[in-house]
C-alpha atoms as a PDB file:
ATOM      1  CA  ARG A   1    -141.355 111.977  46.178  1.00  0.00           C
ATOM      2  CA  ARG A   2    -140.372 110.620  49.574  1.00  0.00           C
ATOM      3  CA  PHE A   3    -141.512 112.210  52.800  1.00  0.00           C
ATOM      4  CA  ASN A   4    -138.489 113.025  54.909  1.00  0.00           C
ATOM      5  CA  ILE A   5    -139.271 114.020  58.471  1.00  0.00           C
ATOM      6  CA  PHE A   6    -135.723 115.215  59.086  1.00  0.00           C
ATOM      7  CA  LYS A   7    -135.933 117.765  56.284  1.00  0.00           C
ATOM      8  CA  MET A   8    -139.240 118.955  57.689  1.00  0.00           C
ATOM      9  CA  ALA A   9    -137.759 119.283  61.178  1.00  0.00           C
ATOM     10  CA  ASN A  10    -134.700 121.071  59.806  1.00  0.00           C
ATOM     11  CA  ARG A  11    -136.874 123.476  57.830  1.00  0.00           C
ATOM     12  CA  ASP A  12    -138.941 124.234  60.923  1.00  0.00           C
ATOM     13  CA  ALA A  13    -135.798 124.796  62.973  1.00  0.00           C
ATOM     14  CA  GLN A  14    -134.517 127.346  60.430  1.00  0.00           C
ATOM     15  CA  SER A  15    -137.773 129.261  60.206  1.00  0.00           C
ATOM     16  CA  PRO A  16    -138.036 132.502  62.167  1.00  0.00           C
ATOM     17  CA  PRO A  17    -139.458 132.118  65.663  1.00  0.00           C
ATOM     18  CA  ASN A  18    -143.197 132.496  65.946  1.00  0.00           C
ATOM     19  CA  GLU A  19    -144.886 133.916  69.029  1.00  0.00           C
ATOM     20  CA  ASN A  20    -147.429 131.077  69.004  1.00  0.00           C
ATOM     21  CA  GLN A  21    -144.813 128.314  69.003  1.00  0.00           C
ATOM     22  CA  PRO A  22    -143.526 127.079  72.351  1.00  0.00           C
ATOM     23  CA  LYS A  23    -139.985 128.057  73.242  1.00  0.00           C
ATOM     24  CA  ASN A  24    -139.237 124.581  74.547  1.00  0.00           C
ATOM     25  CA  GLU A  25    -138.168 122.371  71.627  1.00  0.00           C
ATOM     26  CA  VAL A  26    -138.806 119.135  73.523  1.00  0.00           C
ATOM     27  CA  ALA A  27    -142.353 119.952  74.602  1.00  0.00           C
ATOM     28  CA  TRP A  28    -143.574 116.986  72.562  1.00  0.00           C
ATOM     29  CA  VAL A  29    -141.995 114.684  75.168  1.00  0.00           C
ATOM     30  CA  TYR A  30    -144.704 115.603  77.677  1.00  0.00           C
ATOM     31  CA  SER A  31    -147.506 114.741  75.260  1.00  0.00           C
ATOM     32  CA  PHE A  32    -145.759 111.555  74.190  1.00  0.00           C
ATOM     33  CA  GLY A  33    -145.269 110.493  77.807  1.00  0.00           C
ATOM     34  CA  ALA A  34    -148.850 111.342  78.715  1.00  0.00           C
ATOM     35  CA  ALA A  35    -150.061 109.080  75.920  1.00  0.00           C
ATOM     36  CA  MET A  36    -147.557 106.264  76.325  1.00  0.00           C
ATOM     37  CA  VAL A  37    -147.477 105.783  80.105  1.00  0.00           C
ATOM     38  CA  PRO A  38    -151.087 104.533  80.336  1.00  0.00           C
ATOM     39  CA  PHE A  39    -150.671 102.407  77.217  1.00  0.00           C
ATOM     40  CA  VAL A  40    -147.455 100.785  78.426  1.00  0.00           C
ATOM     41  CA  SER A  41    -148.927 100.178  81.879  1.00  0.00           C
ATOM     42  CA  PHE A  42    -151.953  98.513  80.245  1.00  0.00           C
ATOM     43  CA  CYS A  43    -149.661  96.294  78.151  1.00  0.00           C
ATOM     44  CA  TYR A  44    -147.686  95.338  81.254  1.00  0.00           C
ATOM     45  CA  MET A  45    -150.872  94.589  83.211  1.00  0.00           C
ATOM     46  CA  HIS A  46    -152.207  92.517  80.317  1.00  0.00           C
ATOM     47  CA  SER A  47    -148.980  90.504  80.099  1.00  0.00           C
ATOM     48  CA  ARG A  48    -149.257  89.712  83.819  1.00  0.00           C
ATOM     49  CA  GLY A  49    -152.844  88.454  83.469  1.00  0.00           C
ATOM     50  CA  GLY A  50    -154.561  91.576  84.766  1.00  0.00           C
ATOM     51  CA  THR A  51    -157.140  91.725  81.993  1.00  0.00           C
ATOM     52  CA  ALA A  52    -158.445  88.235  82.771  1.00  0.00           C
ATOM     53  CA  ARG A  53    -158.712  89.106  86.465  1.00  0.00           C
ATOM     54  CA  ILE A  54    -160.709  92.246  85.686  1.00  0.00           C
ATOM     55  CA  VAL A  55    -163.079  90.322  83.407  1.00  0.00           C
ATOM     56  CA  GLU A  56    -163.594  87.626  86.041  1.00  0.00           C
ATOM     57  CA  ARG A  57    -164.206  90.231  88.739  1.00  0.00           C
ATOM     58  CA  VAL A  58    -166.811  92.054  86.640  1.00  0.00           C
ATOM     59  CA  VAL A  59    -168.600  88.803  85.722  1.00  0.00           C
ATOM     60  CA  ARG A  60    -168.725  87.678  89.369  1.00  0.00           C
ATOM     61  CA  SER A  61    -169.833  91.087  90.654  1.00  0.00           C
ATOM     62  CA  PRO A  62    -173.495  91.837  91.459  1.00  0.00           C
ATOM     63  CA  VAL A  63    -173.969  93.551  88.069  1.00  0.00           C
ATOM     64  CA  GLY A  64    -172.721  90.462  86.222  1.00  0.00           C
ATOM     65  CA  VAL A  65    -172.109  90.460  82.499  1.00  0.00           C
ATOM     66  CA  TYR A  66    -174.218  93.590  82.130  1.00  0.00           C
ATOM     67  CA  GLY A  67    -171.398  95.476  83.815  1.00  0.00           C
ATOM     68  CA  PHE A  68    -169.550  95.358  80.510  1.00  0.00           C
ATOM     69  CA  LEU A  69    -172.330  97.448  78.961  1.00  0.00           C
ATOM     70  CA  TRP A  70    -171.574 100.195  81.470  1.00  0.00           C
ATOM     71  CA  LEU A  71    -167.825 100.081  80.881  1.00  0.00           C
ATOM     72  CA  PRO A  72    -167.653 102.591  77.959  1.00  0.00           C
ATOM     73  CA  PHE A  73    -169.889 105.089  79.758  1.00  0.00           C
ATOM     74  CA  LEU A  74    -168.034 104.726  83.030  1.00  0.00           C
ATOM     75  CA  SER A  75    -164.590 105.119  81.463  1.00  0.00           C
ATOM     76  CA  LEU A  76    -165.769 108.146  79.476  1.00  0.00           C
ATOM     77  CA  ALA A  77    -167.197 109.743  82.619  1.00  0.00           C
ATOM     78  CA  ILE A  78    -163.945 109.184  84.508  1.00  0.00           C
ATOM     79  CA  GLU A  79    -161.933 110.624  81.620  1.00  0.00           C
ATOM     80  CA  LYS A  80    -164.157 113.715  81.407  1.00  0.00           C
ATOM     81  CA  LYS A  81    -163.982 114.251  85.163  1.00  0.00           C
ATOM     82  CA  LYS A  82    -160.175 114.118  85.144  1.00  0.00           C
ATOM     83  CA  TYR A  83    -159.945 116.346  82.075  1.00  0.00           C
ATOM     84  CA  TYR A  84    -162.172 119.048  83.545  1.00  0.00           C
ATOM     85  CA  LYS A  85    -160.379 118.879  86.879  1.00  0.00           C
ATOM     86  CA  ILE A  86    -157.007 119.374  85.159  1.00  0.00           C
ATOM     87  CA  GLN A  87    -158.361 122.287  83.094  1.00  0.00           C
ATOM     88  CA  THR A  88    -159.549 124.222  86.146  1.00  0.00           C
END
């Protein structure tokens, strides 16, 4: 049996409205844009040589190669800070 997303979407469109569902049918565009804008900007930066410049800058900084060990923790902290700021 094939999975057909259009039948699923059509079935959902014909179902009675639910109070928990958003009234805006294109609300997914906001989530899609919020996920794709950073990804596309990263791809563009990478194609222009931005990733190599960042790596060189971190290696030549006072923290040196060990700066890469801090990268996951730093990016997670920045993400959490932005998330909590948006939620308040």
